[in-house]
Amino acid sequence: MAAASSLAELRAKIELDLRGRVVSPFNYRDRNVFEVVSTGIPSLDAVVGGLPRGAMTEICGPPCSGRTSVLLSALAARTAEGETCALIDARDSFDPAAASAAGVALEQVLWVRCQNADQALRATDLLIQAGGFGMVAVDLSDVAPKIVRYVPLNAWFRFRRAVEDTPTILMVMEQEANAKTCASLVLRLEGRPGEWSETGSSSGGCDFLRDSMGRLFRGFEIGADVVRTRVQDVNEVMAINKFSSRKMGFESGNKQERVTLFKAATNWSEVRG
């Protein structure tokens, strides 16, 4: 009885201390239902629904896997809606000219230029605690994976808790997924093999292009694997509940699906030696 009484007193004290800051700290809340917004890539939206607000999304993949393209598409989509975004650039590799060409409204983006992962994590902590951003993107893509692996797990938990119950989208770009269960959506990107074609031939005579060892680069595809998602669109859940009076259950956990994000084409050429 004494132990139960002490536990009740401790619980009451915690609730009193957190009053006004945390609503019902001991009540379970379903964190699988979020408002989602477009990634700016229709084929990706069709599979994952979009980027969840008030949650962390991890975009991972090796170099040349399309991470920057997804980042710029998301920034363009958010700034087009008049939202202010923050980009925390861990290695100062952001290209404003490319972002502007992709449709990003640069006047609505706070660009935080860092020199290492530690500076980037400190800046992330400050910005998501401050609030007011539609999206906070943390680009750790150019940081060596062995360094990002040593980011303490409690840092990811702190970031997740800071954006909960806010309209902020927290997007983390990495070569490997490291946030574990702190991320509500994890996408792994990959660049698929390029498509090459032999150069054209003429009807007669000597054709320099035909007789050379050249090939034309026709294009390549960027694909994404949905490694994990616990995201349910709040609008879909409300629609289901509207037409059903029985208790609905939603499956969470891994969702192994693959989607082709886009296909790029160029007029580059390769000369084989």
Protein backbone atom coordinates (compact mmCIF):
# COMPACT_ATOMS: atom_id res chain seq x y z
CA MET A 1 0.00 0.00 0.00
CA ALA A 2 2.87 2.37 0.82
CA ALA A 3 4.44 1.77 -2.59
CA ALA A 4 1.13 2.42 -4.35
CA SER A 5 0.63 5.61 -2.35
CA SER A 6 4.13 6.84 -3.23
CA LEU A 7 3.54 6.08 -6.91
CA ALA A 8 0.25 8.00 -6.88
CA GLU A 9 1.93 10.97 -5.21
CA LEU A 10 4.76 10.91 -7.75
CA ARG A 11 2.29 10.78 -10.63
CA ALA A 12 0.31 13.68 -9.20
CA LYS A 13 3.50 15.72 -8.78
CA ILE A 14 4.60 15.08 -12.37
CA GLU A 15 1.18 16.03 -13.74
CA LEU A 16 1.26 19.23 -11.66
CA ASP A 17 4.75 20.16 -12.87
CA LEU A 18 3.83 19.55 -16.52
CA ARG A 19 0.44 21.26 -16.37
CA GLY A 20 0.07 23.71 -19.23
CA ARG A 21 2.96 22.18 -21.18
CA VAL A 22 2.00 18.53 -21.69
CA VAL A 23 -1.60 17.38 -22.00
CA SER A 24 -2.29 14.10 -20.18
CA PRO A 25 1.35 12.93 -19.91
CA PHE A 26 0.36 9.41 -18.77
CA ASN A 27 -2.29 8.79 -21.43
CA TYR A 28 -1.37 6.84 -24.56
CA ARG A 29 -1.69 8.81 -27.76
CA ASP A 30 -1.89 7.26 -31.21
CA ARG A 31 1.10 8.77 -33.04
CA ASN A 32 0.33 6.99 -36.30
CA VAL A 33 -2.25 9.51 -37.51
CA PHE A 34 -0.82 12.64 -39.12
CA GLU A 35 -1.72 15.36 -41.52
CA VAL A 36 0.27 14.66 -44.68
CA VAL A 37 1.28 17.05 -47.45
CA SER A 38 2.68 16.54 -50.92
CA THR A 39 6.32 15.67 -51.50
CA GLY A 40 6.13 17.43 -54.85
CA ILE A 41 6.54 14.06 -56.63
CA PRO A 42 3.13 12.57 -57.62
CA SER A 43 4.38 8.99 -57.97
CA LEU A 44 5.82 9.11 -54.44
CA ASP A 45 2.68 10.70 -53.01
CA ALA A 46 0.62 7.89 -54.54
CA VAL A 47 2.49 5.31 -52.45
CA VAL A 48 3.28 7.01 -49.12
CA GLY A 49 0.55 9.66 -49.14
CA GLY A 50 3.01 12.48 -48.56
CA LEU A 51 5.18 13.91 -45.81
CA PRO A 52 3.72 13.74 -42.28
CA ARG A 53 3.51 16.91 -40.21
CA GLY A 54 4.59 16.64 -36.59
CA ALA A 55 6.87 13.69 -37.35
CA MET A 56 10.32 12.77 -38.60
CA THR A 57 10.93 11.49 -42.13
CA GLU A 58 14.24 9.89 -43.11
CA ILE A 59 15.40 9.96 -46.73
CA CYS A 60 18.51 7.81 -47.19
CA GLY A 61 20.56 6.50 -50.05
CA PRO A 62 24.05 6.50 -51.58
CA PRO A 63 25.43 9.40 -53.64
CA CYS A 64 23.56 10.04 -56.91
CA SER A 65 20.45 8.27 -55.60
CA GLY A 66 18.08 11.25 -55.93
CA ARG A 67 18.18 12.60 -52.38
CA THR A 68 18.74 16.19 -53.49
CA SER A 69 15.94 15.93 -56.05
CA VAL A 70 13.48 14.80 -53.36
CA LEU A 71 14.67 17.57 -51.03
CA LEU A 72 14.25 20.28 -53.66
CA SER A 73 10.83 18.95 -54.69
CA ALA A 74 9.65 19.04 -51.09
CA LEU A 75 11.02 22.56 -50.54
CA ALA A 76 9.40 23.76 -53.76
CA ALA A 77 6.04 22.27 -52.76
CA ARG A 78 6.12 23.85 -49.28
CA THR A 79 7.30 27.29 -50.38
CA ALA A 80 4.69 27.28 -53.15
CA GLU A 81 2.09 27.06 -50.38
CA GLY A 82 3.60 30.13 -48.72
CA GLU A 83 5.31 28.22 -45.91
CA THR A 84 8.65 29.20 -44.42
CA CYS A 85 11.21 26.39 -44.42
CA ALA A 86 14.63 25.86 -42.90
CA LEU A 87 17.49 23.95 -44.50
CA ILE A 88 20.31 22.90 -42.19
CA ASP A 89 23.21 22.17 -44.51
CA ALA A 90 25.78 20.10 -42.61
CA ARG A 91 28.54 20.39 -45.21
CA ASP A 92 27.64 23.67 -46.94
CA SER A 93 26.80 21.88 -50.19
CA PHE A 94 23.41 23.43 -51.04
CA ASP A 95 23.19 25.02 -54.51
CA PRO A 96 20.73 27.97 -54.47
CA ALA A 97 20.77 28.26 -58.27
CA ALA A 98 19.69 24.62 -58.71
CA ALA A 99 17.04 25.06 -56.01
CA SER A 100 15.64 28.15 -57.71
CA ALA A 101 15.53 26.30 -61.05
CA ALA A 102 13.58 23.51 -59.30
CA GLY A 103 10.93 25.99 -58.18
CA VAL A 104 12.06 26.71 -54.60
CA ALA A 105 11.16 30.22 -53.40
CA LEU A 106 14.52 31.05 -51.85
CA GLU A 107 13.19 34.11 -50.00
CA GLN A 108 11.13 31.70 -47.89
CA VAL A 109 14.03 29.41 -46.97
CA LEU A 110 16.36 29.90 -44.01
CA TRP A 111 19.68 28.40 -45.10
CA VAL A 112 21.89 27.41 -42.15
CA ARG A 113 25.40 26.72 -43.43
CA CYS A 114 27.36 24.36 -41.18
CA GLN A 115 30.79 22.78 -41.33
CA ASN A 116 30.12 19.49 -39.56
CA ALA A 117 27.45 17.22 -38.13
CA ASP A 118 27.72 18.63 -34.60
CA GLN A 119 26.89 22.15 -35.77
CA ALA A 120 24.00 20.79 -37.83
CA LEU A 121 22.48 18.91 -34.88
CA ARG A 122 22.77 21.96 -32.61
CA ALA A 123 21.09 24.14 -35.24
CA THR A 124 18.32 21.56 -35.68
CA ASP A 125 17.64 21.54 -31.94
CA LEU A 126 17.37 25.33 -31.84
CA LEU A 127 15.12 25.67 -34.87
CA ILE A 128 12.59 22.96 -34.07
CA GLN A 129 12.35 24.23 -30.49
CA ALA A 130 11.72 27.75 -31.82
CA GLY A 131 8.93 26.56 -34.14
CA GLY A 132 7.24 28.50 -36.91
CA PHE A 133 8.61 26.46 -39.83
CA GLY A 134 6.52 24.41 -42.23
CA MET A 135 9.47 22.13 -42.85
CA VAL A 136 12.91 21.74 -41.29
CA ALA A 137 15.26 19.76 -43.54
CA VAL A 138 18.54 18.45 -42.12
CA ASP A 139 20.98 17.50 -44.88
CA LEU A 140 23.56 15.07 -43.52
CA SER A 141 24.06 13.45 -46.93
CA ASP A 142 27.67 14.51 -47.30
CA VAL A 143 28.64 13.55 -43.76
CA ALA A 144 30.48 10.21 -43.51
CA PRO A 145 28.04 7.46 -42.40
CA LYS A 146 30.39 6.34 -39.62
CA ILE A 147 30.02 9.80 -38.04
CA VAL A 148 26.21 9.91 -38.29
CA ARG A 149 25.97 6.44 -36.76
CA TYR A 150 27.37 7.84 -33.52
CA VAL A 151 24.63 10.45 -33.13
CA PRO A 152 23.09 9.52 -29.74
CA LEU A 153 19.66 7.92 -29.96
CA ASN A 154 18.35 10.37 -27.38
CA ALA A 155 19.04 13.19 -29.88
CA TRP A 156 16.65 11.62 -32.39
CA PHE A 157 14.06 11.11 -29.63
CA ARG A 158 14.42 14.75 -28.61
CA PHE A 159 13.88 15.92 -32.19
CA ARG A 160 10.82 13.70 -32.57
CA ARG A 161 9.24 14.94 -29.35
CA ALA A 162 9.98 18.56 -30.26
CA VAL A 163 7.95 18.38 -33.50
CA GLU A 164 5.07 16.30 -32.12
CA ASP A 165 1.74 18.15 -32.11
CA THR A 166 3.21 20.86 -34.36
CA PRO A 167 2.68 21.53 -38.10
CA THR A 168 6.42 21.12 -38.75
CA ILE A 169 7.77 18.44 -41.09
CA LEU A 170 11.19 17.22 -39.96
CA MET A 171 13.10 15.69 -42.88
CA VAL A 172 16.54 14.14 -42.38
CA MET A 173 18.72 13.32 -45.40
CA GLU A 174 21.43 10.67 -44.85
CA GLN A 175 23.32 7.90 -46.60
CA GLU A 176 21.97 5.38 -44.06
CA ALA A 177 18.88 5.34 -41.83
CA ASN A 178 19.94 6.02 -38.23
CA ALA A 179 16.95 7.38 -36.32
CA LYS A 180 15.45 3.89 -35.79
CA THR A 181 11.85 4.00 -34.50
CA CYS A 182 12.02 7.78 -34.03
CA ALA A 183 11.26 8.15 -37.74
CA SER A 184 7.65 7.71 -38.77
CA LEU A 185 8.55 7.36 -42.45
CA VAL A 186 11.79 5.96 -43.89
CA LEU A 187 12.54 5.95 -47.62
CA ARG A 188 15.63 4.43 -49.22
CA LEU A 189 16.50 5.89 -52.62
CA GLU A 190 18.59 4.37 -55.36
CA GLY A 191 19.72 5.36 -58.81
CA ARG A 192 18.97 2.61 -61.27
CA PRO A 193 21.31 1.78 -64.19
CA GLY A 194 21.37 4.33 -66.96
CA GLU A 195 19.96 3.65 -70.41
CA TRP A 196 22.43 3.91 -73.27
CA SER A 197 21.86 3.63 -76.99
CA GLU A 198 24.22 3.09 -79.88
CA THR A 199 24.70 6.10 -82.12
CA GLY A 200 22.77 6.27 -85.37
CA SER A 201 24.06 4.97 -88.70
CA SER A 202 23.90 6.42 -92.19
CA SER A 203 22.74 4.75 -95.40
CA GLY A 204 26.15 4.76 -96.97
CA GLY A 205 29.66 6.07 -96.83
CA CYS A 206 31.68 6.65 -93.72
CA ASP A 207 29.71 7.74 -90.65
CA PHE A 208 32.03 9.08 -87.97
CA LEU A 209 29.53 8.56 -85.11
CA ARG A 210 28.61 5.07 -86.25
CA ASP A 211 32.19 3.99 -86.71
CA SER A 212 33.32 5.52 -83.41
CA MET A 213 32.97 3.74 -80.09
CA GLY A 214 30.49 6.33 -78.84
CA ARG A 215 27.12 5.77 -77.17
CA LEU A 216 24.38 8.25 -76.31
CA PHE A 217 23.05 8.47 -72.76
CA ARG A 218 19.26 8.34 -72.97
CA GLY A 219 18.40 8.70 -69.29
CA PHE A 220 18.12 7.01 -65.91
CA GLU A 221 15.54 6.27 -63.24
CA ILE A 222 15.43 7.16 -59.59
CA GLY A 223 13.54 4.69 -57.40
CA ALA A 224 12.51 4.51 -53.74
CA ASP A 225 11.88 1.68 -51.31
CA VAL A 226 9.47 2.34 -48.45
CA VAL A 227 11.49 0.81 -45.62
CA ARG A 228 9.10 1.71 -42.82
CA THR A 229 5.96 3.78 -42.40
CA ARG A 230 3.63 4.30 -39.48
CA VAL A 231 1.79 7.13 -41.18
CA GLN A 232 -1.98 7.24 -41.48
CA ASP A 233 -3.50 10.29 -43.16
CA VAL A 234 -5.80 12.05 -40.68
CA ASN A 235 -8.23 12.91 -43.48
CA GLU A 236 -8.52 9.27 -44.55
CA VAL A 237 -9.06 8.15 -40.96
CA MET A 238 -11.83 10.73 -40.48
CA ALA A 239 -13.50 9.59 -43.71
CA ILE A 240 -13.39 5.94 -42.60
CA ASN A 241 -14.78 6.77 -39.17
CA LYS A 242 -17.55 8.80 -40.75
CA PHE A 243 -18.95 5.78 -42.55
CA SER A 244 -18.24 3.16 -39.91
CA SER A 245 -19.45 2.99 -36.34
CA ARG A 246 -17.26 0.02 -35.43
CA LYS A 247 -13.74 0.39 -34.05
CA MET A 248 -11.17 0.48 -36.82
CA GLY A 249 -7.65 -0.87 -36.49
CA PHE A 250 -4.70 0.23 -38.59
CA GLU A 251 -1.65 -1.88 -39.18
CA SER A 252 1.66 -0.19 -38.51
CA GLY A 253 5.21 -1.26 -39.08
CA ASN A 254 7.18 -2.05 -42.20
CA LYS A 255 5.74 -1.38 -45.62
CA GLN A 256 7.92 -2.83 -48.32
CA GLU A 257 6.95 -1.11 -51.54
CA ARG A 258 8.99 0.24 -54.41
CA VAL A 259 8.14 3.18 -56.59
CA THR A 260 9.84 4.86 -59.54
CA LEU A 261 10.08 8.53 -58.66
CA PHE A 262 11.06 9.94 -62.01
CA LYS A 263 13.01 9.29 -65.16
CA ALA A 264 15.58 11.82 -66.25
CA ALA A 265 16.85 12.16 -69.78
CA THR A 266 19.89 13.98 -71.05
CA ASN A 267 21.92 14.30 -74.22
CA TRP A 268 25.18 13.37 -72.53
CA SER A 269 27.43 10.92 -74.33
CA GLU A 270 30.03 8.41 -73.32
CA VAL A 271 33.04 7.45 -75.42
CA ARG A 272 34.29 3.94 -74.81
CA GLY A 273 38.02 3.49 -75.00
